[in-house]
């Protein structure tokens, strides 16, 4: 899951919810949402904004190479 909290700044996180392992879905209003049980995570740091998720999304490394974004 790649977000852009500020123009030109990219963040990446695991796309798996820490509650029950569902894939997270949409991003809107500053939150990454899990469709299974309603958990919400911050697009800035992956922290839990609303449970039942017990912990943040795992961060990933983002590298911008020209017009490409590489996540590792």
Protein backbone atom coordinates (compact mmCIF):
# COMPACT_ATOMS: atom_id res chain seq x y z
CA UNK A 1 0.00 0.00 0.00
CA UNK A 2 1.61 3.29 -1.12
CA UNK A 3 0.37 6.65 0.13
CA UNK A 4 1.34 10.25 -0.57
CA UNK A 5 0.53 12.21 2.62
CA UNK A 6 2.28 15.33 1.25
CA UNK A 7 2.98 16.12 -2.39
CA UNK A 8 6.24 14.42 -3.37
CA UNK A 9 6.48 12.34 -0.17
CA UNK A 10 5.65 8.65 -0.49
CA UNK A 11 5.07 6.13 2.30
CA UNK A 12 4.50 2.39 1.94
CA UNK A 13 2.99 -0.17 4.28
CA UNK A 14 1.94 -3.79 4.29
CA UNK A 15 -1.47 -4.19 2.66
CA UNK A 16 -2.51 -6.75 5.30
CA UNK A 17 -4.66 -5.64 8.25
CA UNK A 18 -3.14 -6.48 11.65
CA UNK A 19 -6.55 -7.51 13.02
CA UNK A 20 -7.50 -10.64 11.06
CA UNK A 21 -5.16 -10.56 8.06
CA UNK A 22 -7.62 -9.16 5.52
CA UNK A 23 -6.23 -7.11 2.63
CA UNK A 24 -6.76 -3.41 3.31
CA UNK A 25 -8.91 -1.61 0.78
CA UNK A 26 -9.52 2.03 0.04
CA UNK A 27 -7.60 5.16 1.01
CA UNK A 28 -9.55 8.34 1.75
CA UNK A 29 -9.71 11.12 4.29
CA UNK A 30 -6.17 10.48 5.49
CA UNK A 31 -6.88 6.84 6.32
CA UNK A 32 -6.21 3.39 4.89
CA UNK A 33 -9.35 1.34 5.50
CA UNK A 34 -9.85 -2.37 6.04
CA UNK A 35 -13.19 -3.50 4.59
CA UNK A 36 -13.45 -6.62 6.78
CA UNK A 37 -13.93 -5.09 10.24
CA UNK A 38 -13.55 -1.31 9.80
CA UNK A 39 -10.03 -0.70 11.08
CA UNK A 40 -8.39 2.50 9.86
CA UNK A 41 -4.69 3.34 9.63
CA UNK A 42 -2.85 6.65 9.18
CA UNK A 43 -1.50 7.32 5.67
CA UNK A 44 1.48 9.07 7.31
CA UNK A 45 2.89 6.33 9.56
CA UNK A 46 0.54 3.33 9.37
CA UNK A 47 -0.59 3.78 12.99
CA UNK A 48 -4.06 2.66 14.05
CA UNK A 49 -6.60 5.50 13.85
CA UNK A 50 -9.57 3.25 14.62
CA UNK A 51 -9.67 -0.38 15.77
CA UNK A 52 -10.18 -3.25 16.21
CA UNK A 53 -6.66 -3.54 14.71
CA UNK A 54 -4.17 -4.22 17.54
CA UNK A 55 -1.14 -2.59 15.90
CA UNK A 56 0.14 -0.51 12.99
CA UNK A 57 0.68 -1.65 9.42
CA UNK A 58 4.25 -2.82 8.84
CA UNK A 59 6.26 -0.08 7.08
CA UNK A 60 8.03 -0.78 3.80
CA UNK A 61 10.93 1.05 2.14
CA UNK A 62 10.02 3.40 -0.72
CA UNK A 63 12.53 4.48 -3.37
CA UNK A 64 11.65 6.92 -6.14
CA UNK A 65 13.61 6.31 -9.35
CA UNK A 66 12.71 8.85 -12.00
CA UNK A 67 8.99 8.37 -12.57
CA UNK A 68 8.87 4.97 -10.85
CA UNK A 69 8.16 4.08 -7.23
CA UNK A 70 9.89 0.95 -5.93
CA UNK A 71 8.66 -0.69 -2.71
CA UNK A 72 10.80 -3.21 -0.84
